[in-house]
Amino acid sequence: GVILTDARDLHRAREVMERVVEIAPDFHSVYINL
């Protein structure tokens, strides 16, 4: 998701980061990036 964000593919980056939240809701860093 970080690489997709840097590549400005924000729609796919959003999908990937939202999946991270589903898998690991206590992984705090993802909320900042999402």
PDB file of all heavy atoms in Angstrom:
ATOM      1  N   GLY A   1       0.811  -1.219   0.000  1.00  0.00           N
ATOM      2  CA  GLY A   1       0.000   0.000   0.000  1.00  0.00           C
ATOM      3  C   GLY A   1       0.839   1.261   0.000  1.00  0.00           C
ATOM      4  O   GLY A   1       0.497   2.261  -0.640  1.00  0.00           O
ATOM      5  N   VAL A   2       1.971   1.215   0.715  1.00  0.00           N
ATOM      6  CA  VAL A   2       2.872   2.371   0.744  1.00  0.00           C
ATOM      7  C   VAL A   2       3.441   2.639  -0.651  1.00  0.00           C
ATOM      8  O   VAL A   2       3.488   3.793  -1.109  1.00  0.00           O
ATOM      9  CB  VAL A   2       4.006   2.148   1.764  1.00  0.00           C
ATOM     10  CG1 VAL A   2       5.070   3.230   1.626  1.00  0.00           C
ATOM     11  CG2 VAL A   2       3.443   2.135   3.187  1.00  0.00           C
ATOM     12  N   ILE A   3       3.871   1.586  -1.339  1.00  0.00           N
ATOM     13  CA  ILE A   3       4.436   1.767  -2.682  1.00  0.00           C
ATOM     14  C   ILE A   3       3.356   2.271  -3.646  1.00  0.00           C
ATOM     15  O   ILE A   3       3.604   3.146  -4.480  1.00  0.00           O
ATOM     16  CB  ILE A   3       5.061   0.456  -3.194  1.00  0.00           C
ATOM     17  CG1 ILE A   3       6.214   0.028  -2.282  1.00  0.00           C
ATOM     18  CG2 ILE A   3       5.579   0.632  -4.620  1.00  0.00           C
ATOM     19  CD1 ILE A   3       6.845  -1.295  -2.660  1.00  0.00           C
ATOM     20  N   LEU A   4       2.148   1.714  -3.539  1.00  0.00           N
ATOM     21  CA  LEU A   4       1.042   2.178  -4.392  1.00  0.00           C
ATOM     22  C   LEU A   4       0.745   3.653  -4.125  1.00  0.00           C
ATOM     23  O   LEU A   4       0.462   4.417  -5.058  1.00  0.00           O
ATOM     24  CB  LEU A   4      -0.209   1.334  -4.130  1.00  0.00           C
ATOM     25  CG  LEU A   4      -0.178  -0.097  -4.680  1.00  0.00           C
ATOM     26  CD1 LEU A   4      -1.296  -0.933  -4.060  1.00  0.00           C
ATOM     27  CD2 LEU A   4      -0.310  -0.084  -6.207  1.00  0.00           C
ATOM     28  N   THR A   5       0.817   4.060  -2.865  1.00  0.00           N
ATOM     29  CA  THR A   5       0.592   5.471  -2.525  1.00  0.00           C
ATOM     30  C   THR A   5       1.660   6.346  -3.145  1.00  0.00           C
ATOM     31  O   THR A   5       1.362   7.393  -3.743  1.00  0.00           O
ATOM     32  CB  THR A   5       0.580   5.659  -0.997  1.00  0.00           C
ATOM     33  OG1 THR A   5      -0.421   4.822  -0.428  1.00  0.00           O
ATOM     34  CG2 THR A   5       0.291   7.113  -0.639  1.00  0.00           C
ATOM     35  N   ASP A   6       2.916   5.927  -3.014  1.00  0.00           N
ATOM     36  CA  ASP A   6       4.013   6.699  -3.596  1.00  0.00           C
ATOM     37  C   ASP A   6       3.887   6.782  -5.116  1.00  0.00           C
ATOM     38  O   ASP A   6       4.296   7.781  -5.729  1.00  0.00           O
ATOM     39  CB  ASP A   6       5.358   6.074  -3.226  1.00  0.00           C
ATOM     40  CG  ASP A   6       5.674   6.215  -1.745  1.00  0.00           C
ATOM     41  OD1 ASP A   6       5.032   7.063  -1.089  1.00  0.00           O
ATOM     42  OD2 ASP A   6       6.541   5.474  -1.241  1.00  0.00           O
ATOM     43  N   ALA A   7       3.307   5.732  -5.723  1.00  0.00           N
ATOM     44  CA  ALA A   7       3.111   5.709  -7.176  1.00  0.00           C
ATOM     45  C   ALA A   7       1.837   6.448  -7.584  1.00  0.00           C
ATOM     46  O   ALA A   7       1.500   6.484  -8.768  1.00  0.00           O
ATOM     47  CB  ALA A   7       3.055   4.269  -7.675  1.00  0.00           C
ATOM     48  N   ARG A   8       1.144   7.022  -6.589  1.00  0.00           N
ATOM     49  CA  ARG A   8      -0.092   7.811  -6.784  1.00  0.00           C
ATOM     50  C   ARG A   8      -1.254   6.968  -7.308  1.00  0.00           C
ATOM     51  O   ARG A   8      -2.215   7.496  -7.868  1.00  0.00           O
ATOM     52  CB  ARG A   8       0.144   9.006  -7.714  1.00  0.00           C
ATOM     53  CG  ARG A   8       1.254   9.942  -7.285  1.00  0.00           C
ATOM     54  CD  ARG A   8       1.074  10.430  -5.858  1.00  0.00           C
ATOM     55  NE  ARG A   8      -0.146  11.226  -5.693  1.00  0.00           N
ATOM     56  CZ  ARG A   8      -0.668  11.541  -4.497  1.00  0.00           C
ATOM     57  NH1 ARG A   8      -0.112  11.099  -3.398  1.00  0.00           N
ATOM     58  NH2 ARG A   8      -1.766  12.282  -4.436  1.00  0.00           N
ATOM     59  N   ASP A   9      -1.207   5.646  -7.114  1.00  0.00           N
ATOM     60  CA  ASP A   9      -2.357   4.790  -7.417  1.00  0.00           C
ATOM     61  C   ASP A   9      -3.195   4.707  -6.141  1.00  0.00           C
ATOM     62  O   ASP A   9      -3.237   3.681  -5.455  1.00  0.00           O
ATOM     63  CB  ASP A   9      -1.887   3.407  -7.865  1.00  0.00           C
ATOM     64  CG  ASP A   9      -3.036   2.538  -8.382  1.00  0.00           C
ATOM     65  OD1 ASP A   9      -4.207   2.962  -8.244  1.00  0.00           O
ATOM     66  OD2 ASP A   9      -2.766   1.437  -8.899  1.00  0.00           O
ATOM     67  N   LEU A  10      -3.884   5.801  -5.834  1.00  0.00           N
ATOM     68  CA  LEU A  10      -4.527   5.926  -4.530  1.00  0.00           C
ATOM     69  C   LEU A  10      -5.751   5.028  -4.385  1.00  0.00           C
ATOM     70  O   LEU A  10      -6.055   4.574  -3.279  1.00  0.00           O
ATOM     71  CB  LEU A  10      -4.906   7.387  -4.277  1.00  0.00           C
ATOM     72  CG  LEU A  10      -3.732   8.374  -4.202  1.00  0.00           C
ATOM     73  CD1 LEU A  10      -4.235   9.762  -3.839  1.00  0.00           C
ATOM     74  CD2 LEU A  10      -2.692   7.913  -3.190  1.00  0.00           C
ATOM     75  N   HIS A  11      -6.464   4.788  -5.468  1.00  0.00           N
ATOM     76  CA  HIS A  11      -7.653   3.943  -5.362  1.00  0.00           C
ATOM     77  C   HIS A  11      -7.266   2.517  -4.963  1.00  0.00           C
ATOM     78  O   HIS A  11      -7.874   1.909  -4.077  1.00  0.00           O
ATOM     79  CB  HIS A  11      -8.423   3.950  -6.682  1.00  0.00           C
ATOM     80  CG  HIS A  11      -9.093   5.258  -6.961  1.00  0.00           C
ATOM     81  ND1 HIS A  11     -10.257   5.642  -6.330  1.00  0.00           N
ATOM     82  CD2 HIS A  11      -8.755   6.288  -7.788  1.00  0.00           C
ATOM     83  CE1 HIS A  11     -10.617   6.840  -6.763  1.00  0.00           C
ATOM     84  NE2 HIS A  11      -9.723   7.252  -7.646  1.00  0.00           N
ATOM     85  N   ARG A  12      -6.242   1.980  -5.621  1.00  0.00           N
ATOM     86  CA  ARG A  12      -5.816   0.623  -5.252  1.00  0.00           C
ATOM     87  C   ARG A  12      -5.143   0.632  -3.878  1.00  0.00           C
ATOM     88  O   ARG A  12      -5.301  -0.311  -3.093  1.00  0.00           O
ATOM     89  CB  ARG A  12      -4.856   0.064  -6.309  1.00  0.00           C
ATOM     90  CG  ARG A  12      -4.415  -1.333  -5.937  1.00  0.00           C
ATOM     91  CD  ARG A  12      -4.217  -2.281  -7.090  1.00  0.00           C
ATOM     92  NE  ARG A  12      -3.973  -3.600  -6.520  1.00  0.00           N
ATOM     93  CZ  ARG A  12      -2.790  -4.205  -6.486  1.00  0.00           C
ATOM     94  NH1 ARG A  12      -1.743  -3.665  -7.071  1.00  0.00           N
ATOM     95  NH2 ARG A  12      -2.658  -5.385  -5.918  1.00  0.00           N
ATOM     96  N   ALA A  13      -4.394   1.687  -3.574  1.00  0.00           N
ATOM     97  CA  ALA A  13      -3.765   1.788  -2.257  1.00  0.00           C
ATOM     98  C   ALA A  13      -4.830   1.760  -1.156  1.00  0.00           C
ATOM     99  O   ALA A  13      -4.646   1.120  -0.114  1.00  0.00           O
ATOM    100  CB  ALA A  13      -2.934   3.068  -2.166  1.00  0.00           C
ATOM    101  N   ARG A  14      -5.940   2.450  -1.408  1.00  0.00           N
ATOM    102  CA  ARG A  14      -7.026   2.444  -0.422  1.00  0.00           C
ATOM    103  C   ARG A  14      -7.553   1.025  -0.217  1.00  0.00           C
ATOM    104  O   ARG A  14      -7.747   0.575   0.920  1.00  0.00           O
ATOM    105  CB  ARG A  14      -8.164   3.351  -0.897  1.00  0.00           C
ATOM    106  CG  ARG A  14      -9.344   3.426   0.080  1.00  0.00           C
ATOM    107  CD  ARG A  14     -10.563   4.005  -0.589  1.00  0.00           C
ATOM    108  NE  ARG A  14     -11.006   3.129  -1.665  1.00  0.00           N
ATOM    109  CZ  ARG A  14     -11.777   3.523  -2.679  1.00  0.00           C
ATOM    110  NH1 ARG A  14     -12.172   4.767  -2.779  1.00  0.00           N
ATOM    111  NH2 ARG A  14     -12.138   2.653  -3.609  1.00  0.00           N
ATOM    112  N   GLU A  15      -7.789   0.289  -1.314  1.00  0.00           N
ATOM    113  CA  GLU A  15      -8.299  -1.077  -1.206  1.00  0.00           C
ATOM    114  C   GLU A  15      -7.343  -1.954  -0.401  1.00  0.00           C
ATOM    115  O   GLU A  15      -7.769  -2.748   0.451  1.00  0.00           O
ATOM    116  CB  GLU A  15      -8.499  -1.666  -2.603  1.00  0.00           C
ATOM    117  CG  GLU A  15      -9.584  -0.981  -3.417  1.00  0.00           C
ATOM    118  CD  GLU A  15      -9.611  -1.482  -4.856  1.00  0.00           C
ATOM    119  OE1 GLU A  15      -8.807  -2.376  -5.195  1.00  0.00           O
ATOM    120  OE2 GLU A  15     -10.434  -0.961  -5.645  1.00  0.00           O
ATOM    121  N   VAL A  16      -6.046  -1.823  -0.665  1.00  0.00           N
ATOM    122  CA  VAL A  16      -5.050  -2.641   0.023  1.00  0.00           C
ATOM    123  C   VAL A  16      -5.009  -2.292   1.510  1.00  0.00           C
ATOM    124  O   VAL A  16      -4.986  -3.185   2.378  1.00  0.00           O
ATOM    125  CB  VAL A  16      -3.661  -2.450  -0.632  1.00  0.00           C
ATOM    126  CG1 VAL A  16      -2.572  -3.077   0.220  1.00  0.00           C
ATOM    127  CG2 VAL A  16      -3.656  -3.040  -2.038  1.00  0.00           C
ATOM    128  N   MET A  17      -4.999  -0.996   1.840  1.00  0.00           N
ATOM    129  CA  MET A  17      -4.918  -0.588   3.243  1.00  0.00           C
ATOM    130  C   MET A  17      -6.200  -0.954   4.000  1.00  0.00           C
ATOM    131  O   MET A  17      -6.148  -1.307   5.189  1.00  0.00           O
ATOM    132  CB  MET A  17      -4.646   0.911   3.340  1.00  0.00           C
ATOM    133  CG  MET A  17      -3.248   1.331   2.881  1.00  0.00           C
ATOM    134  SD  MET A  17      -1.929   0.599   3.885  1.00  0.00           S
ATOM    135  CE  MET A  17      -0.517   1.568   3.319  1.00  0.00           C
ATOM    136  N   GLU A  18      -7.343  -0.881   3.347  1.00  0.00           N
ATOM    137  CA  GLU A  18      -8.587  -1.288   4.002  1.00  0.00           C
ATOM    138  C   GLU A  18      -8.559  -2.783   4.315  1.00  0.00           C
ATOM    139  O   GLU A  18      -9.083  -3.234   5.338  1.00  0.00           O
ATOM    140  CB  GLU A  18      -9.785  -0.941   3.115  1.00  0.00           C
ATOM    141  CG  GLU A  18     -10.098   0.552   3.087  1.00  0.00           C
ATOM    142  CD  GLU A  18     -11.201   0.910   2.114  1.00  0.00           C
ATOM    143  OE1 GLU A  18     -11.526   0.080   1.238  1.00  0.00           O
ATOM    144  OE2 GLU A  18     -11.737   2.033   2.223  1.00  0.00           O
ATOM    145  N   ARG A  19      -7.921  -3.553   3.452  1.00  0.00           N
ATOM    146  CA  ARG A  19      -7.774  -4.988   3.718  1.00  0.00           C
ATOM    147  C   ARG A  19      -6.863  -5.215   4.922  1.00  0.00           C
ATOM    148  O   ARG A  19      -7.095  -6.128   5.717  1.00  0.00           O
ATOM    149  CB  ARG A  19      -7.226  -5.694   2.477  1.00  0.00           C
ATOM    150  CG  ARG A  19      -7.248  -7.216   2.593  1.00  0.00           C
ATOM    151  CD  ARG A  19      -6.767  -7.864   1.309  1.00  0.00           C
ATOM    152  NE  ARG A  19      -6.563  -9.306   1.496  1.00  0.00           N
ATOM    153  CZ  ARG A  19      -5.901 -10.070   0.643  1.00  0.00           C
ATOM    154  NH1 ARG A  19      -5.373  -9.543  -0.464  1.00  0.00           N
ATOM    155  NH2 ARG A  19      -5.762 -11.357   0.879  1.00  0.00           N
ATOM    156  N   VAL A  20      -5.823  -4.382   5.063  1.00  0.00           N
ATOM    157  CA  VAL A  20      -4.941  -4.486   6.230  1.00  0.00           C
ATOM    158  C   VAL A  20      -5.742  -4.268   7.511  1.00  0.00           C
ATOM    159  O   VAL A  20      -5.567  -4.984   8.507  1.00  0.00           O
ATOM    160  CB  VAL A  20      -3.775  -3.480   6.135  1.00  0.00           C
ATOM    161  CG1 VAL A  20      -2.932  -3.522   7.413  1.00  0.00           C
ATOM    162  CG2 VAL A  20      -2.903  -3.771   4.923  1.00  0.00           C
ATOM    163  N   VAL A  21      -6.618  -3.262   7.502  1.00  0.00           N
ATOM    164  CA  VAL A  21      -7.440  -2.981   8.683  1.00  0.00           C
ATOM    165  C   VAL A  21      -8.308  -4.191   9.032  1.00  0.00           C
ATOM    166  O   VAL A  21      -8.477  -4.541  10.210  1.00  0.00           O
ATOM    167  CB  VAL A  21      -8.311  -1.730   8.446  1.00  0.00           C
ATOM    168  CG1 VAL A  21      -9.304  -1.536   9.596  1.00  0.00           C
ATOM    169  CG2 VAL A  21      -7.436  -0.490   8.302  1.00  0.00           C
ATOM    170  N   GLU A  22      -8.859  -4.855   8.020  1.00  0.00           N
ATOM    171  CA  GLU A  22      -9.687  -6.038   8.254  1.00  0.00           C
ATOM    172  C   GLU A  22      -8.866  -7.172   8.872  1.00  0.00           C
ATOM    173  O   GLU A  22      -9.317  -7.858   9.789  1.00  0.00           O
ATOM    174  CB  GLU A  22     -10.307  -6.518   6.941  1.00  0.00           C
ATOM    175  CG  GLU A  22     -11.347  -5.578   6.359  1.00  0.00           C
ATOM    176  CD  GLU A  22     -11.830  -6.066   5.005  1.00  0.00           C
ATOM    177  OE1 GLU A  22     -11.452  -7.190   4.599  1.00  0.00           O
ATOM    178  OE2 GLU A  22     -12.580  -5.325   4.341  1.00  0.00           O
ATOM    179  N   ILE A  23      -7.656  -7.370   8.361  1.00  0.00           N
ATOM    180  CA  ILE A  23      -6.817  -8.480   8.822  1.00  0.00           C
ATOM    181  C   ILE A  23      -6.222  -8.195  10.198  1.00  0.00           C
ATOM    182  O   ILE A  23      -6.195  -9.073  11.069  1.00  0.00           O
ATOM    183  CB  ILE A  23      -5.680  -8.751   7.811  1.00  0.00           C
ATOM    184  CG1 ILE A  23      -6.256  -9.184   6.467  1.00  0.00           C
ATOM    185  CG2 ILE A  23      -4.709  -9.800   8.343  1.00  0.00           C
ATOM    186  CD1 ILE A  23      -5.218  -9.251   5.359  1.00  0.00           C
ATOM    187  N   ALA A  24      -5.738  -6.960  10.394  1.00  0.00           N
ATOM    188  CA  ALA A  24      -5.009  -6.616  11.623  1.00  0.00           C
ATOM    189  C   ALA A  24      -5.491  -5.271  12.155  1.00  0.00           C
ATOM    190  O   ALA A  24      -4.804  -4.257  12.023  1.00  0.00           O
ATOM    191  CB  ALA A  24      -3.502  -6.587  11.354  1.00  0.00           C
ATOM    192  N   PRO A  25      -6.685  -5.238  12.775  1.00  0.00           N
ATOM    193  CA  PRO A  25      -7.238  -3.957  13.241  1.00  0.00           C
ATOM    194  C   PRO A  25      -6.401  -3.279  14.319  1.00  0.00           C
ATOM    195  O   PRO A  25      -6.565  -2.087  14.563  1.00  0.00           O
ATOM    196  CB  PRO A  25      -8.623  -4.352  13.776  1.00  0.00           C
ATOM    197  CG  PRO A  25      -8.543  -5.818  14.035  1.00  0.00           C
ATOM    198  CD  PRO A  25      -7.594  -6.370  13.033  1.00  0.00           C
ATOM    199  N   ASP A  26      -5.490  -4.012  14.961  1.00  0.00           N
ATOM    200  CA  ASP A  26      -4.640  -3.402  15.984  1.00  0.00           C
ATOM    201  C   ASP A  26      -3.274  -2.979  15.451  1.00  0.00           C
ATOM    202  O   ASP A  26      -2.394  -2.597  16.220  1.00  0.00           O
ATOM    203  CB  ASP A  26      -4.445  -4.385  17.147  1.00  0.00           C
ATOM    204  CG  ASP A  26      -5.734  -4.604  17.927  1.00  0.00           C
ATOM    205  OD1 ASP A  26      -6.536  -3.651  18.014  1.00  0.00           O
ATOM    206  OD2 ASP A  26      -5.940  -5.718  18.424  1.00  0.00           O
ATOM    207  N   PHE A  27      -3.102  -3.054  14.132  1.00  0.00           N
ATOM    208  CA  PHE A  27      -1.854  -2.585  13.510  1.00  0.00           C
ATOM    209  C   PHE A  27      -2.010  -1.078  13.275  1.00  0.00           C
ATOM    210  O   PHE A  27      -2.603  -0.623  12.313  1.00  0.00           O
ATOM    211  CB  PHE A  27      -1.622  -3.336  12.195  1.00  0.00           C
ATOM    212  CG  PHE A  27      -0.354  -2.938  11.481  1.00  0.00           C
ATOM    213  CD1 PHE A  27       0.857  -2.858  12.147  1.00  0.00           C
ATOM    214  CD2 PHE A  27      -0.384  -2.645  10.123  1.00  0.00           C
ATOM    215  CE1 PHE A  27       2.019  -2.499  11.476  1.00  0.00           C
ATOM    216  CE2 PHE A  27       0.765  -2.286   9.447  1.00  0.00           C
ATOM    217  CZ  PHE A  27       1.976  -2.209  10.122  1.00  0.00           C
ATOM    218  N   HIS A  28      -1.475  -0.294  14.196  1.00  0.00           N
ATOM    219  CA  HIS A  28      -1.808   1.125  14.278  1.00  0.00           C
ATOM    220  C   HIS A  28      -1.328   1.949  13.087  1.00  0.00           C
ATOM    221  O   HIS A  28      -1.986   2.905  12.669  1.00  0.00           O
ATOM    222  CB  HIS A  28      -1.246   1.704  15.580  1.00  0.00           C
ATOM    223  CG  HIS A  28      -1.802   1.037  16.800  1.00  0.00           C
ATOM    224  ND1 HIS A  28      -1.091   0.889  17.967  1.00  0.00           N
ATOM    225  CD2 HIS A  28      -3.004   0.442  17.031  1.00  0.00           C
ATOM    226  CE1 HIS A  28      -1.815   0.250  18.868  1.00  0.00           C
ATOM    227  NE2 HIS A  28      -2.983  -0.032  18.326  1.00  0.00           N
ATOM    228  N   SER A  29      -0.176   1.612  12.541  1.00  0.00           N
ATOM    229  CA  SER A  29       0.398   2.438  11.475  1.00  0.00           C
ATOM    230  C   SER A  29      -0.525   2.548  10.266  1.00  0.00           C
ATOM    231  O   SER A  29      -0.525   3.555   9.556  1.00  0.00           O
ATOM    232  CB  SER A  29       1.749   1.861  11.034  1.00  0.00           C
ATOM    233  OG  SER A  29       2.682   1.920  12.077  1.00  0.00           O
ATOM    234  N   VAL A  30      -1.335   1.510  10.021  1.00  0.00           N
ATOM    235  CA  VAL A  30      -2.161   1.513   8.814  1.00  0.00           C
ATOM    236  C   VAL A  30      -3.176   2.645   8.845  1.00  0.00           C
ATOM    237  O   VAL A  30      -3.535   3.216   7.807  1.00  0.00           O
ATOM    238  CB  VAL A  30      -2.858   0.147   8.628  1.00  0.00           C
ATOM    239  CG1 VAL A  30      -3.918  -0.099   9.689  1.00  0.00           C
ATOM    240  CG2 VAL A  30      -3.478   0.068   7.239  1.00  0.00           C
ATOM    241  N   TYR A  31      -3.668   3.005  10.040  1.00  0.00           N
ATOM    242  CA  TYR A  31      -4.677   4.060  10.129  1.00  0.00           C
ATOM    243  C   TYR A  31      -4.112   5.410   9.695  1.00  0.00           C
ATOM    244  O   TYR A  31      -4.796   6.208   9.066  1.00  0.00           O
ATOM    245  CB  TYR A  31      -5.224   4.153  11.556  1.00  0.00           C
ATOM    246  CG  TYR A  31      -5.994   2.925  11.993  1.00  0.00           C
ATOM    247  CD1 TYR A  31      -5.354   1.881  12.669  1.00  0.00           C
ATOM    248  CD2 TYR A  31      -7.349   2.801  11.727  1.00  0.00           C
ATOM    249  CE1 TYR A  31      -6.043   0.753  13.076  1.00  0.00           C
ATOM    250  CE2 TYR A  31      -8.058   1.674  12.132  1.00  0.00           C
ATOM    251  CZ  TYR A  31      -7.397   0.652  12.801  1.00  0.00           C
ATOM    252  OH  TYR A  31      -8.092  -0.464  13.188  1.00  0.00           O
ATOM    253  N   ILE A  32      -2.864   5.658  10.055  1.00  0.00           N
ATOM    254  CA  ILE A  32      -2.222   6.918   9.652  1.00  0.00           C
ATOM    255  C   ILE A  32      -2.150   6.985   8.132  1.00  0.00           C
ATOM    256  O   ILE A  32      -2.554   7.976   7.505  1.00  0.00           O
ATOM    257  CB  ILE A  32      -0.811   7.033  10.260  1.00  0.00           C
ATOM    258  CG1 ILE A  32      -0.875   6.967  11.802  1.00  0.00           C
ATOM    259  CG2 ILE A  32      -0.146   8.322   9.795  1.00  0.00           C
ATOM    260  CD1 ILE A  32      -1.619   8.083  12.460  1.00  0.00           C
ATOM    261  N   ASN A  33      -1.657   5.921   7.511  1.00  0.00           N
ATOM    262  CA  ASN A  33      -1.492   5.917   6.056  1.00  0.00           C
ATOM    263  C   ASN A  33      -2.830   5.908   5.326  1.00  0.00           C
ATOM    264  O   ASN A  33      -2.996   6.597   4.312  1.00  0.00           O
ATOM    265  CB  ASN A  33      -0.654   4.713   5.631  1.00  0.00           C
ATOM    266  CG  ASN A  33       0.791   4.835   6.055  1.00  0.00           C
ATOM    267  OD1 ASN A  33       1.085   4.910   7.237  1.00  0.00           O
ATOM    268  ND2 ASN A  33       1.697   4.876   5.099  1.00  0.00           N
ATOM    269  N   LEU A  34      -3.790   5.139   5.842  1.00  0.00           N
ATOM    270  CA  LEU A  34      -5.095   5.087   5.195  1.00  0.00           C
ATOM    271  C   LEU A  34      -5.776   6.449   5.239  1.00  0.00           C
ATOM    272  O   LEU A  34      -6.404   6.879   4.257  1.00  0.00           O
ATOM    273  CB  LEU A  34      -5.969   4.022   5.869  1.00  0.00           C
ATOM    274  CG  LEU A  34      -7.371   3.811   5.280  1.00  0.00           C
ATOM    275  CD1 LEU A  34      -7.301   3.488   3.798  1.00  0.00           C
ATOM    276  CD2 LEU A  34      -8.109   2.705   6.035  1.00  0.00           C
TER     277      LEU A  34
END
